[in-house]
All heavy atoms as atom14 arrays in JSON, in Angstrom:
{
  "sequence": "EMALAILLEAALSFLGLGVPPPLPSWGLMIAEAKDYMFFSPWVI",
  "atom14_mask": [
    [1, 1, 1, 1, 1, 1, 1, 1, 1, 0, 0, 0, 0, 0],
    [1, 1, 1, 1, 1, 1, 1, 1, 0, 0, 0, 0, 0, 0],
    [1, 1, 1, 1, 1, 0, 0, 0, 0, 0, 0, 0, 0, 0],
    [1, 1, 1, 1, 1, 1, 1, 1, 0, 0, 0, 0, 0, 0],
    [1, 1, 1, 1, 1, 0, 0, 0, 0, 0, 0, 0, 0, 0],
    [1, 1, 1, 1, 1, 1, 1, 1, 0, 0, 0, 0, 0, 0],
    [1, 1, 1, 1, 1, 1, 1, 1, 0, 0, 0, 0, 0, 0],
    [1, 1, 1, 1, 1, 1, 1, 1, 0, 0, 0, 0, 0, 0],
    [1, 1, 1, 1, 1, 1, 1, 1, 1, 0, 0, 0, 0, 0],
    [1, 1, 1, 1, 1, 0, 0, 0, 0, 0, 0, 0, 0, 0],
    [1, 1, 1, 1, 1, 0, 0, 0, 0, 0, 0, 0, 0, 0],
    [1, 1, 1, 1, 1, 1, 1, 1, 0, 0, 0, 0, 0, 0],
    [1, 1, 1, 1, 1, 1, 0, 0, 0, 0, 0, 0, 0, 0],
    [1, 1, 1, 1, 1, 1, 1, 1, 1, 1, 1, 0, 0, 0],
    [1, 1, 1, 1, 1, 1, 1, 1, 0, 0, 0, 0, 0, 0],
    [1, 1, 1, 1, 0, 0, 0, 0, 0, 0, 0, 0, 0, 0],
    [1, 1, 1, 1, 1, 1, 1, 1, 0, 0, 0, 0, 0, 0],
    [1, 1, 1, 1, 0, 0, 0, 0, 0, 0, 0, 0, 0, 0],
    [1, 1, 1, 1, 1, 1, 1, 0, 0, 0, 0, 0, 0, 0],
    [1, 1, 1, 1, 1, 1, 1, 0, 0, 0, 0, 0, 0, 0],
    [1, 1, 1, 1, 1, 1, 1, 0, 0, 0, 0, 0, 0, 0],
    [1, 1, 1, 1, 1, 1, 1, 0, 0, 0, 0, 0, 0, 0],
    [1, 1, 1, 1, 1, 1, 1, 1, 0, 0, 0, 0, 0, 0],
    [1, 1, 1, 1, 1, 1, 1, 0, 0, 0, 0, 0, 0, 0],
    [1, 1, 1, 1, 1, 1, 0, 0, 0, 0, 0, 0, 0, 0],
    [1, 1, 1, 1, 1, 1, 1, 1, 1, 1, 1, 1, 1, 1],
    [1, 1, 1, 1, 0, 0, 0, 0, 0, 0, 0, 0, 0, 0],
    [1, 1, 1, 1, 1, 1, 1, 1, 0, 0, 0, 0, 0, 0],
    [1, 1, 1, 1, 1, 1, 1, 1, 0, 0, 0, 0, 0, 0],
    [1, 1, 1, 1, 1, 1, 1, 1, 0, 0, 0, 0, 0, 0],
    [1, 1, 1, 1, 1, 0, 0, 0, 0, 0, 0, 0, 0, 0],
    [1, 1, 1, 1, 1, 1, 1, 1, 1, 0, 0, 0, 0, 0],
    [1, 1, 1, 1, 1, 0, 0, 0, 0, 0, 0, 0, 0, 0],
    [1, 1, 1, 1, 1, 1, 1, 1, 1, 0, 0, 0, 0, 0],
    [1, 1, 1, 1, 1, 1, 1, 1, 0, 0, 0, 0, 0, 0],
    [1, 1, 1, 1, 1, 1, 1, 1, 1, 1, 1, 1, 0, 0],
    [1, 1, 1, 1, 1, 1, 1, 1, 0, 0, 0, 0, 0, 0],
    [1, 1, 1, 1, 1, 1, 1, 1, 1, 1, 1, 0, 0, 0],
    [1, 1, 1, 1, 1, 1, 1, 1, 1, 1, 1, 0, 0, 0],
    [1, 1, 1, 1, 1, 1, 0, 0, 0, 0, 0, 0, 0, 0],
    [1, 1, 1, 1, 1, 1, 1, 0, 0, 0, 0, 0, 0, 0],
    [1, 1, 1, 1, 1, 1, 1, 1, 1, 1, 1, 1, 1, 1],
    [1, 1, 1, 1, 1, 1, 1, 0, 0, 0, 0, 0, 0, 0],
    [1, 1, 1, 1, 1, 1, 1, 1, 0, 0, 0, 0, 0, 0]
  ],
  "atom14_positions": [
    [[8.49, 11.55, -12.33], [7.92, 10.31, -12.88], [8.92, 9.16, -12.74], [8.51, 7.98, -12.63], [7.6, 10.52, -14.43], [6.44, 11.42, -14.6], [5.08, 10.77, -14.07], [4.82, 9.65, -14.39], [4.47, 11.48, -13.3], [0.0, 0.0, 0.0], [0.0, 0.0, 0.0], [0.0, 0.0, 0.0], [0.0, 0.0, 0.0], [0.0, 0.0, 0.0]],
    [[10.2, 9.46, -12.73], [11.16, 8.4, -12.54], [11.03, 7.75, -11.13], [11.05, 6.54, -11.03], [12.62, 8.99, -12.71], [13.7, 7.94, -12.71], [15.39, 8.64, -12.76], [15.22, 10.09, -13.71], [0.0, 0.0, 0.0], [0.0, 0.0, 0.0], [0.0, 0.0, 0.0], [0.0, 0.0, 0.0], [0.0, 0.0, 0.0], [0.0, 0.0, 0.0]],
    [[10.84, 8.57, -10.16], [10.64, 8.11, -8.76], [9.32, 7.31, -8.73], [9.29, 6.22, -8.11], [10.57, 9.29, -7.79], [0.0, 0.0, 0.0], [0.0, 0.0, 0.0], [0.0, 0.0, 0.0], [0.0, 0.0, 0.0], [0.0, 0.0, 0.0], [0.0, 0.0, 0.0], [0.0, 0.0, 0.0], [0.0, 0.0, 0.0], [0.0, 0.0, 0.0]],
    [[8.3, 7.74, -9.37], [7.02, 6.97, -9.4], [7.19, 5.67, -10.07], [6.67, 4.58, -9.61], [5.95, 7.8, -10.04], [4.56, 7.14, -10.11], [4.0, 6.83, -8.79], [3.68, 7.94, -10.91], [0.0, 0.0, 0.0], [0.0, 0.0, 0.0], [0.0, 0.0, 0.0], [0.0, 0.0, 0.0], [0.0, 0.0, 0.0], [0.0, 0.0, 0.0]],
    [[7.96, 5.62, -11.2], [8.15, 4.37, -11.93], [8.91, 3.36, -11.04], [8.63, 2.18, -11.09], [8.89, 4.68, -13.24], [0.0, 0.0, 0.0], [0.0, 0.0, 0.0], [0.0, 0.0, 0.0], [0.0, 0.0, 0.0], [0.0, 0.0, 0.0], [0.0, 0.0, 0.0], [0.0, 0.0, 0.0], [0.0, 0.0, 0.0], [0.0, 0.0, 0.0]],
    [[9.87, 3.87, -10.33], [10.67, 2.96, -9.46], [9.82, 2.33, -8.37], [9.89, 1.15, -8.07], [11.95, 3.68, -8.91], [12.9, 3.98, -9.98], [12.55, 2.93, -7.68], [14.01, 4.94, -9.58], [0.0, 0.0, 0.0], [0.0, 0.0, 0.0], [0.0, 0.0, 0.0], [0.0, 0.0, 0.0], [0.0, 0.0, 0.0], [0.0, 0.0, 0.0]],
    [[8.93, 3.2, -7.79], [8.02, 2.64, -6.76], [7.03, 1.62, -7.33], [6.68, 0.68, -6.74], [7.29, 3.77, -6.1], [8.09, 4.62, -5.12], [7.34, 5.78, -4.56], [8.56, 3.7, -3.9], [0.0, 0.0, 0.0], [0.0, 0.0, 0.0], [0.0, 0.0, 0.0], [0.0, 0.0, 0.0], [0.0, 0.0, 0.0], [0.0, 0.0, 0.0]],
    [[6.51, 1.95, -8.58], [5.57, 1.01, -9.16], [6.27, -0.33, -9.55], [5.61, -1.35, -9.38], [4.96, 1.64, -10.42], [3.86, 2.69, -10.09], [3.39, 3.32, -11.41], [2.67, 2.03, -9.38], [0.0, 0.0, 0.0], [0.0, 0.0, 0.0], [0.0, 0.0, 0.0], [0.0, 0.0, 0.0], [0.0, 0.0, 0.0], [0.0, 0.0, 0.0]],
    [[7.47, -0.28, -9.97], [8.2, -1.46, -10.31], [8.4, -2.3, -9.06], [8.25, -3.52, -9.05], [9.47, -1.18, -11.01], [10.27, -2.39, -11.49], [11.08, -3.07, -10.4], [11.63, -2.35, -9.51], [11.21, -4.29, -10.37], [0.0, 0.0, 0.0], [0.0, 0.0, 0.0], [0.0, 0.0, 0.0], [0.0, 0.0, 0.0], [0.0, 0.0, 0.0]],
    [[8.77, -1.61, -8.04], [9.04, -2.31, -6.75], [7.76, -2.99, -6.22], [7.79, -4.04, -5.68], [9.63, -1.34, -5.67], [0.0, 0.0, 0.0], [0.0, 0.0, 0.0], [0.0, 0.0, 0.0], [0.0, 0.0, 0.0], [0.0, 0.0, 0.0], [0.0, 0.0, 0.0], [0.0, 0.0, 0.0], [0.0, 0.0, 0.0], [0.0, 0.0, 0.0]],
    [[6.63, -2.25, -6.35], [5.36, -2.77, -5.88], [4.97, -4.04, -6.68], [4.52, -5.02, -6.2], [4.25, -1.72, -5.98], [0.0, 0.0, 0.0], [0.0, 0.0, 0.0], [0.0, 0.0, 0.0], [0.0, 0.0, 0.0], [0.0, 0.0, 0.0], [0.0, 0.0, 0.0], [0.0, 0.0, 0.0], [0.0, 0.0, 0.0], [0.0, 0.0, 0.0]],
    [[5.15, -3.93, -8.03], [4.8, -5.1, -8.91], [5.74, -6.3, -8.56], [5.33, -7.46, -8.53], [4.98, -4.71, -10.35], [3.83, -3.84, -10.9], [4.17, -3.45, -12.36], [2.52, -4.57, -10.85], [0.0, 0.0, 0.0], [0.0, 0.0, 0.0], [0.0, 0.0, 0.0], [0.0, 0.0, 0.0], [0.0, 0.0, 0.0], [0.0, 0.0, 0.0]],
    [[7.04, -5.99, -8.35], [7.96, -7.1, -8.03], [7.66, -7.65, -6.67], [7.83, -8.86, -6.45], [9.37, -6.55, -8.06], [9.72, -6.2, -9.41], [0.0, 0.0, 0.0], [0.0, 0.0, 0.0], [0.0, 0.0, 0.0], [0.0, 0.0, 0.0], [0.0, 0.0, 0.0], [0.0, 0.0, 0.0], [0.0, 0.0, 0.0], [0.0, 0.0, 0.0]],
    [[7.24, -6.85, -5.7], [6.88, -7.34, -4.41], [5.7, -8.32, -4.46], [5.63, -9.34, -3.77], [6.54, -6.14, -3.46], [6.1, -6.59, -2.14], [7.03, -6.98, -1.14], [4.75, -6.63, -1.78], [6.64, -7.39, 0.1], [4.34, -7.05, -0.52], [5.27, -7.47, 0.42], [0.0, 0.0, 0.0], [0.0, 0.0, 0.0], [0.0, 0.0, 0.0]],
    [[4.77, -8.04, -5.37], [3.59, -8.91, -5.52], [3.9, -10.14, -6.46], [2.99, -10.93, -6.69], [2.42, -8.09, -6.11], [1.91, -7.01, -5.19], [0.93, -6.13, -5.94], [1.38, -7.57, -3.94], [0.0, 0.0, 0.0], [0.0, 0.0, 0.0], [0.0, 0.0, 0.0], [0.0, 0.0, 0.0], [0.0, 0.0, 0.0], [0.0, 0.0, 0.0]],
    [[5.12, -10.2, -7.05], [5.49, -11.29, -7.89], [5.03, -11.05, -9.33], [5.09, -12.0, -10.12], [0.0, 0.0, 0.0], [0.0, 0.0, 0.0], [0.0, 0.0, 0.0], [0.0, 0.0, 0.0], [0.0, 0.0, 0.0], [0.0, 0.0, 0.0], [0.0, 0.0, 0.0], [0.0, 0.0, 0.0], [0.0, 0.0, 0.0], [0.0, 0.0, 0.0]],
    [[4.67, -9.83, -9.67], [4.27, -9.56, -11.05], [5.24, -8.65, -11.8], [4.99, -8.09, -12.85], [2.88, -8.93, -11.08], [1.83, -9.76, -10.41], [0.5, -8.98, -10.31], [1.54, -11.0, -11.26], [0.0, 0.0, 0.0], [0.0, 0.0, 0.0], [0.0, 0.0, 0.0], [0.0, 0.0, 0.0], [0.0, 0.0, 0.0], [0.0, 0.0, 0.0]],
    [[6.38, -8.38, -11.22], [7.36, -7.53, -11.8], [8.48, -8.26, -12.55], [8.19, -9.27, -13.29], [0.0, 0.0, 0.0], [0.0, 0.0, 0.0], [0.0, 0.0, 0.0], [0.0, 0.0, 0.0], [0.0, 0.0, 0.0], [0.0, 0.0, 0.0], [0.0, 0.0, 0.0], [0.0, 0.0, 0.0], [0.0, 0.0, 0.0], [0.0, 0.0, 0.0]],
    [[9.72, -7.9, -12.3], [10.84, -8.6, -12.98], [11.0, -10.02, -12.38], [10.68, -10.29, -11.29], [12.04, -7.76, -12.8], [11.93, -6.43, -13.48], [12.56, -7.58, -11.35], [0.0, 0.0, 0.0], [0.0, 0.0, 0.0], [0.0, 0.0, 0.0], [0.0, 0.0, 0.0], [0.0, 0.0, 0.0], [0.0, 0.0, 0.0], [0.0, 0.0, 0.0]],
    [[11.47, -10.93, -13.23], [11.63, -12.29, -12.74], [12.81, -12.38, -11.7], [13.7, -11.56, -11.7], [11.97, -13.13, -13.98], [12.3, -12.1, -15.01], [11.74, -10.84, -14.65], [0.0, 0.0, 0.0], [0.0, 0.0, 0.0], [0.0, 0.0, 0.0], [0.0, 0.0, 0.0], [0.0, 0.0, 0.0], [0.0, 0.0, 0.0], [0.0, 0.0, 0.0]],
    [[12.76, -13.36, -10.85], [13.8, -13.51, -9.78], [15.24, -13.39, -10.07], [15.97, -12.88, -9.23], [13.46, -14.83, -9.14], [12.0, -15.06, -9.41], [11.73, -14.39, -10.75], [0.0, 0.0, 0.0], [0.0, 0.0, 0.0], [0.0, 0.0, 0.0], [0.0, 0.0, 0.0], [0.0, 0.0, 0.0], [0.0, 0.0, 0.0], [0.0, 0.0, 0.0]],
    [[15.78, -13.82, -11.19], [17.22, -13.59, -11.3], [17.63, -12.1, -11.42], [18.75, -11.75, -11.07], [17.57, -14.34, -12.53], [16.43, -15.1, -12.99], [15.24, -14.6, -12.28], [0.0, 0.0, 0.0], [0.0, 0.0, 0.0], [0.0, 0.0, 0.0], [0.0, 0.0, 0.0], [0.0, 0.0, 0.0], [0.0, 0.0, 0.0], [0.0, 0.0, 0.0]],
    [[16.73, -11.3, -11.84], [17.09, -9.85, -11.98], [16.92, -9.14, -10.67], [16.03, -9.49, -9.9], [16.13, -9.2, -13.03], [16.24, -9.73, -14.45], [15.2, -9.13, -15.31], [17.59, -9.35, -15.06], [0.0, 0.0, 0.0], [0.0, 0.0, 0.0], [0.0, 0.0, 0.0], [0.0, 0.0, 0.0], [0.0, 0.0, 0.0], [0.0, 0.0, 0.0]],
    [[17.82, -8.2, -10.4], [17.74, -7.51, -9.12], [16.56, -6.44, -9.05], [16.33, -5.73, -9.98], [19.04, -6.8, -9.03], [19.49, -6.6, -10.43], [18.92, -7.77, -11.2], [0.0, 0.0, 0.0], [0.0, 0.0, 0.0], [0.0, 0.0, 0.0], [0.0, 0.0, 0.0], [0.0, 0.0, 0.0], [0.0, 0.0, 0.0], [0.0, 0.0, 0.0]],
    [[15.85, -6.51, -8.0], [14.77, -5.55, -7.76], [14.56, -5.43, -6.2], [14.49, -6.46, -5.5], [13.48, -6.08, -8.36], [12.38, -5.26, -7.98], [0.0, 0.0, 0.0], [0.0, 0.0, 0.0], [0.0, 0.0, 0.0], [0.0, 0.0, 0.0], [0.0, 0.0, 0.0], [0.0, 0.0, 0.0], [0.0, 0.0, 0.0], [0.0, 0.0, 0.0]],
    [[14.42, -4.25, -5.76], [14.26, -4.02, -4.35], [12.92, -4.54, -3.89], [12.76, -5.03, -2.78], [14.45, -2.57, -3.98], [15.92, -2.2, -3.82], [16.91, -3.0, -3.45], [16.47, -0.93, -4.26], [18.17, -2.29, -3.55], [17.86, -1.03, -4.06], [15.98, 0.22, -4.78], [18.72, 0.0, -4.31], [16.83, 1.22, -5.13], [18.23, 1.13, -4.84]],
    [[11.93, -4.45, -4.68], [10.63, -5.02, -4.37], [10.67, -6.55, -4.22], [10.09, -7.09, -3.3], [0.0, 0.0, 0.0], [0.0, 0.0, 0.0], [0.0, 0.0, 0.0], [0.0, 0.0, 0.0], [0.0, 0.0, 0.0], [0.0, 0.0, 0.0], [0.0, 0.0, 0.0], [0.0, 0.0, 0.0], [0.0, 0.0, 0.0], [0.0, 0.0, 0.0]],
    [[11.43, -7.18, -5.06], [11.61, -8.61, -5.03], [12.38, -8.98, -3.75], [12.11, -9.96, -3.11], [12.29, -9.08, -6.32], [12.39, -10.6, -6.51], [10.99, -11.18, -6.56], [13.12, -10.92, -7.79], [0.0, 0.0, 0.0], [0.0, 0.0, 0.0], [0.0, 0.0, 0.0], [0.0, 0.0, 0.0], [0.0, 0.0, 0.0], [0.0, 0.0, 0.0]],
    [[13.46, -8.19, -3.48], [14.24, -8.45, -2.25], [13.36, -8.34, -0.97], [13.5, -9.14, -0.04], [15.37, -7.49, -2.17], [16.47, -7.74, -3.16], [17.77, -6.45, -2.96], [18.68, -6.68, -4.41], [0.0, 0.0, 0.0], [0.0, 0.0, 0.0], [0.0, 0.0, 0.0], [0.0, 0.0, 0.0], [0.0, 0.0, 0.0], [0.0, 0.0, 0.0]],
    [[12.51, -7.31, -0.99], [11.63, -7.17, 0.2], [10.64, -8.35, 0.29], [10.38, -8.86, 1.38], [10.88, -5.77, 0.16], [11.92, -4.64, 0.29], [9.79, -5.68, 1.17], [11.33, -3.25, 0.02], [0.0, 0.0, 0.0], [0.0, 0.0, 0.0], [0.0, 0.0, 0.0], [0.0, 0.0, 0.0], [0.0, 0.0, 0.0], [0.0, 0.0, 0.0]],
    [[10.08, -8.75, -0.89], [9.19, -9.91, -0.88], [9.81, -11.23, -0.38], [9.26, -12.01, 0.41], [8.62, -10.06, -2.3], [0.0, 0.0, 0.0], [0.0, 0.0, 0.0], [0.0, 0.0, 0.0], [0.0, 0.0, 0.0], [0.0, 0.0, 0.0], [0.0, 0.0, 0.0], [0.0, 0.0, 0.0], [0.0, 0.0, 0.0], [0.0, 0.0, 0.0]],
    [[11.05, -11.41, -0.81], [11.75, -12.6, -0.37], [12.18, -12.52, 1.06], [12.33, -13.61, 1.74], [12.99, -12.82, -1.28], [12.67, -13.26, -2.71], [13.9, -13.36, -3.59], [14.92, -12.95, -3.18], [13.74, -13.82, -4.73], [0.0, 0.0, 0.0], [0.0, 0.0, 0.0], [0.0, 0.0, 0.0], [0.0, 0.0, 0.0], [0.0, 0.0, 0.0]],
    [[12.39, -11.37, 1.62], [12.8, -11.19, 3.0], [11.71, -11.12, 3.95], [11.92, -11.2, 5.17], [13.67, -9.91, 3.16], [0.0, 0.0, 0.0], [0.0, 0.0, 0.0], [0.0, 0.0, 0.0], [0.0, 0.0, 0.0], [0.0, 0.0, 0.0], [0.0, 0.0, 0.0], [0.0, 0.0, 0.0], [0.0, 0.0, 0.0], [0.0, 0.0, 0.0]],
    [[10.46, -11.13, 3.56], [9.33, -10.93, 4.5], [9.14, -12.14, 5.36], [8.66, -12.06, 6.47], [8.05, -10.66, 3.73], [7.5, -11.74, 2.96], [6.2, -11.31, 2.23], [5.73, -12.47, 1.35], [5.0, -12.12, 0.28], [0.0, 0.0, 0.0], [0.0, 0.0, 0.0], [0.0, 0.0, 0.0], [0.0, 0.0, 0.0], [0.0, 0.0, 0.0]],
    [[9.65, -13.34, 4.94], [9.54, -14.53, 5.8], [10.52, -14.46, 6.99], [10.33, -15.13, 7.95], [9.86, -15.74, 4.96], [8.79, -16.04, 3.93], [7.66, -15.6, 4.1], [9.12, -16.66, 2.82], [0.0, 0.0, 0.0], [0.0, 0.0, 0.0], [0.0, 0.0, 0.0], [0.0, 0.0, 0.0], [0.0, 0.0, 0.0], [0.0, 0.0, 0.0]],
    [[11.53, -13.64, 6.87], [12.64, -13.61, 7.86], [12.6, -12.32, 8.66], [13.51, -12.01, 9.4], [14.02, -13.71, 7.19], [14.14, -14.93, 6.36], [14.14, -14.79, 4.95], [14.2, -16.2, 6.87], [14.18, -15.89, 4.1], [14.37, -17.28, 6.06], [14.35, -17.16, 4.66], [14.42, -18.25, 3.87], [0.0, 0.0, 0.0], [0.0, 0.0, 0.0]],
    [[11.56, -11.48, 8.53], [11.55, -10.14, 9.13], [11.47, -10.23, 10.61], [11.9, -9.27, 11.27], [10.46, -9.3, 8.52], [9.07, -9.57, 8.88], [8.05, -8.41, 8.05], [6.52, -8.74, 8.85], [0.0, 0.0, 0.0], [0.0, 0.0, 0.0], [0.0, 0.0, 0.0], [0.0, 0.0, 0.0], [0.0, 0.0, 0.0], [0.0, 0.0, 0.0]],
    [[10.96, -11.23, 11.24], [10.94, -11.26, 12.67], [12.2, -11.82, 13.28], [12.55, -11.45, 14.43], [9.73, -12.2, 13.18], [8.41, -11.63, 12.79], [7.57, -12.25, 11.9], [7.97, -10.45, 13.38], [6.33, -11.77, 11.56], [6.8, -9.93, 13.07], [5.84, -10.56, 12.13], [0.0, 0.0, 0.0], [0.0, 0.0, 0.0], [0.0, 0.0, 0.0]],
    [[12.95, -12.61, 12.56], [14.22, -13.11, 13.06], [15.44, -12.32, 12.71], [16.44, -12.2, 13.38], [14.39, -14.56, 12.69], [13.18, -15.41, 12.99], [12.32, -15.91, 12.09], [12.93, -15.74, 14.34], [11.22, -16.64, 12.4], [11.83, -16.49, 14.72], [10.98, -16.92, 13.73], [0.0, 0.0, 0.0], [0.0, 0.0, 0.0], [0.0, 0.0, 0.0]],
    [[15.35, -11.79, 11.43], [16.48, -11.03, 10.89], [15.86, -9.75, 10.21], [15.77, -9.69, 8.99], [17.33, -11.76, 9.9], [17.82, -12.9, 10.48], [0.0, 0.0, 0.0], [0.0, 0.0, 0.0], [0.0, 0.0, 0.0], [0.0, 0.0, 0.0], [0.0, 0.0, 0.0], [0.0, 0.0, 0.0], [0.0, 0.0, 0.0], [0.0, 0.0, 0.0]],
    [[15.51, -8.71, 11.05], [14.84, -7.55, 10.42], [15.69, -6.82, 9.45], [15.15, -6.11, 8.6], [14.4, -6.8, 11.65], [15.19, -7.2, 12.74], [15.61, -8.61, 12.49], [0.0, 0.0, 0.0], [0.0, 0.0, 0.0], [0.0, 0.0, 0.0], [0.0, 0.0, 0.0], [0.0, 0.0, 0.0], [0.0, 0.0, 0.0], [0.0, 0.0, 0.0]],
    [[17.05, -6.87, 9.57], [17.85, -6.12, 8.73], [17.71, -6.6, 7.25], [18.02, -5.86, 6.32], [19.31, -6.27, 9.16], [19.86, -7.61, 9.17], [19.78, -8.5, 10.26], [20.48, -8.35, 8.1], [20.34, -9.68, 9.93], [20.78, -9.61, 8.61], [20.79, -7.98, 6.8], [21.38, -10.57, 7.8], [21.44, -8.96, 6.06], [21.71, -10.22, 6.52]],
    [[17.3, -7.84, 7.03], [17.17, -8.38, 5.68], [16.07, -7.63, 4.9], [16.23, -7.44, 3.68], [16.88, -9.92, 5.77], [16.65, -10.47, 4.35], [17.95, -10.62, 6.47], [0.0, 0.0, 0.0], [0.0, 0.0, 0.0], [0.0, 0.0, 0.0], [0.0, 0.0, 0.0], [0.0, 0.0, 0.0], [0.0, 0.0, 0.0], [0.0, 0.0, 0.0]],
    [[15.05, -7.22, 5.57], [14.01, -6.47, 4.93], [14.23, -4.96, 5.01], [13.78, -4.25, 4.15], [12.62, -6.86, 5.48], [11.53, -6.54, 4.51], [12.37, -6.16, 6.87], [10.19, -7.13, 4.82], [0.0, 0.0, 0.0], [0.0, 0.0, 0.0], [0.0, 0.0, 0.0], [0.0, 0.0, 0.0], [0.0, 0.0, 0.0], [0.0, 0.0, 0.0]]
  ]
}
């Protein structure tokens, strides 16, 4: 369940409905990096 909760939090943060931007979240990091994925794929 811990693994599932982490994935759900990442999904919510990716969609902008999770933790607010100053807090660290891998879903938020992936969402912010999607604009740069073609030029700097390592960011995502």
